[in-house]
Amino acid sequence: MARPQMLKLPEVLAELGMSRAAFYRLRARGQAPRLYKLPNGQLRVRRADLDAWLAGYEEAA
């Protein structure tokens, strides 16, 4: 089984065209895709989580 693709936070922000501060504001309101903290302290977002999150906003539009 293939491991899920994990994106670095700067990659996610670039794809969304969003600042880190705006992303964290969404996260504080529980409206951002889930972040995963790796043992080395780096943050990642699963590609599937990001795609599902984006699809939810497309449906709402």
C-alpha atoms as a PDB file:
ATOM      1  CA  MET A   1       0.000   0.000   0.000  1.00  0.00           C
ATOM      2  CA  ALA A   2       1.342   3.425  -0.940  1.00  0.00           C
ATOM      3  CA  ARG A   3       1.869   6.002   1.754  1.00  0.00           C
ATOM      4  CA  PRO A   4      -0.362   9.075   1.538  1.00  0.00           C
ATOM      5  CA  GLN A   5       1.224  12.125  -0.054  1.00  0.00           C
ATOM      6  CA  MET A   6       2.140  14.653   2.607  1.00  0.00           C
ATOM      7  CA  LEU A   7       2.536  18.312   1.628  1.00  0.00           C
ATOM      8  CA  LYS A   8       4.687  20.834   3.447  1.00  0.00           C
ATOM      9  CA  LEU A   9       2.822  23.835   4.786  1.00  0.00           C
ATOM     10  CA  PRO A  10       4.536  26.285   2.366  1.00  0.00           C
ATOM     11  CA  GLU A  11       3.386  24.051  -0.529  1.00  0.00           C
ATOM     12  CA  VAL A  12      -0.190  24.153   0.753  1.00  0.00           C
ATOM     13  CA  LEU A  13      -0.068  27.926   1.222  1.00  0.00           C
ATOM     14  CA  ALA A  14       1.328  28.424  -2.297  1.00  0.00           C
ATOM     15  CA  GLU A  15      -1.376  26.216  -3.803  1.00  0.00           C
ATOM     16  CA  LEU A  16      -4.092  28.112  -1.948  1.00  0.00           C
ATOM     17  CA  GLY A  17      -2.530  31.537  -2.507  1.00  0.00           C
ATOM     18  CA  MET A  18      -2.924  32.156   1.209  1.00  0.00           C
ATOM     19  CA  SER A  19      -0.659  33.622   3.865  1.00  0.00           C
ATOM     20  CA  ARG A  20       0.424  31.599   6.871  1.00  0.00           C
ATOM     21  CA  ALA A  21      -1.495  33.993   9.142  1.00  0.00           C
ATOM     22  CA  ALA A  22      -4.719  33.535   7.154  1.00  0.00           C
ATOM     23  CA  PHE A  23      -4.288  29.748   7.239  1.00  0.00           C
ATOM     24  CA  TYR A  24      -3.838  29.785  11.008  1.00  0.00           C
ATOM     25  CA  ARG A  25      -6.920  31.997  11.420  1.00  0.00           C
ATOM     26  CA  LEU A  26      -8.930  29.377   9.514  1.00  0.00           C
ATOM     27  CA  ARG A  27      -7.346  26.674  11.632  1.00  0.00           C
ATOM     28  CA  ALA A  28      -8.271  28.491  14.853  1.00  0.00           C
ATOM     29  CA  ARG A  29     -11.907  28.492  13.684  1.00  0.00           C
ATOM     30  CA  GLY A  30     -11.716  24.781  12.830  1.00  0.00           C
ATOM     31  CA  GLN A  31     -12.091  25.508   9.109  1.00  0.00           C
ATOM     32  CA  ALA A  32      -8.699  24.392   7.750  1.00  0.00           C
ATOM     33  CA  PRO A  33      -7.507  20.978   6.634  1.00  0.00           C
ATOM     34  CA  ARG A  34      -5.877  18.953   9.382  1.00  0.00           C
ATOM     35  CA  LEU A  35      -2.188  19.482  10.095  1.00  0.00           C
ATOM     36  CA  TYR A  36       0.035  16.582  11.098  1.00  0.00           C
ATOM     37  CA  LYS A  37       3.158  17.219  13.160  1.00  0.00           C
ATOM     38  CA  LEU A  38       6.035  14.899  12.305  1.00  0.00           C
ATOM     39  CA  PRO A  39       8.488  13.635  14.950  1.00  0.00           C
ATOM     40  CA  ASN A  40      11.036  16.196  13.713  1.00  0.00           C
ATOM     41  CA  GLY A  41       8.534  19.015  14.388  1.00  0.00           C
ATOM     42  CA  GLN A  42       7.692  19.753  10.753  1.00  0.00           C
ATOM     43  CA  LEU A  43       4.053  20.219   9.752  1.00  0.00           C
ATOM     44  CA  ARG A  44       2.358  18.388   6.897  1.00  0.00           C
ATOM     45  CA  VAL A  45      -1.081  18.241   5.292  1.00  0.00           C
ATOM     46  CA  ARG A  46      -2.274  15.075   3.583  1.00  0.00           C
ATOM     47  CA  ARG A  47      -3.059  15.637  -0.104  1.00  0.00           C
ATOM     48  CA  ALA A  48      -6.370  13.765   0.328  1.00  0.00           C
ATOM     49  CA  ASP A  49      -7.361  16.025   3.261  1.00  0.00           C
ATOM     50  CA  LEU A  50      -6.549  19.169   1.266  1.00  0.00           C
ATOM     51  CA  ASP A  51      -8.463  17.925  -1.796  1.00  0.00           C
ATOM     52  CA  ALA A  52     -11.506  17.013   0.322  1.00  0.00           C
ATOM     53  CA  TRP A  53     -11.380  20.378   2.074  1.00  0.00           C
ATOM     54  CA  LEU A  54     -11.234  22.218  -1.269  1.00  0.00           C
ATOM     55  CA  ALA A  55     -14.076  20.096  -2.668  1.00  0.00           C
ATOM     56  CA  GLY A  56     -16.238  21.103   0.305  1.00  0.00           C
ATOM     57  CA  TYR A  57     -15.744  24.770  -0.542  1.00  0.00           C
ATOM     58  CA  GLU A  58     -16.469  24.167  -4.241  1.00  0.00           C
ATOM     59  CA  GLU A  59     -19.786  22.521  -3.334  1.00  0.00           C
ATOM     60  CA  ALA A  60     -20.685  25.423  -1.031  1.00  0.00           C
ATOM     61  CA  ALA A  61     -20.009  28.037  -3.724  1.00  0.00           C
END
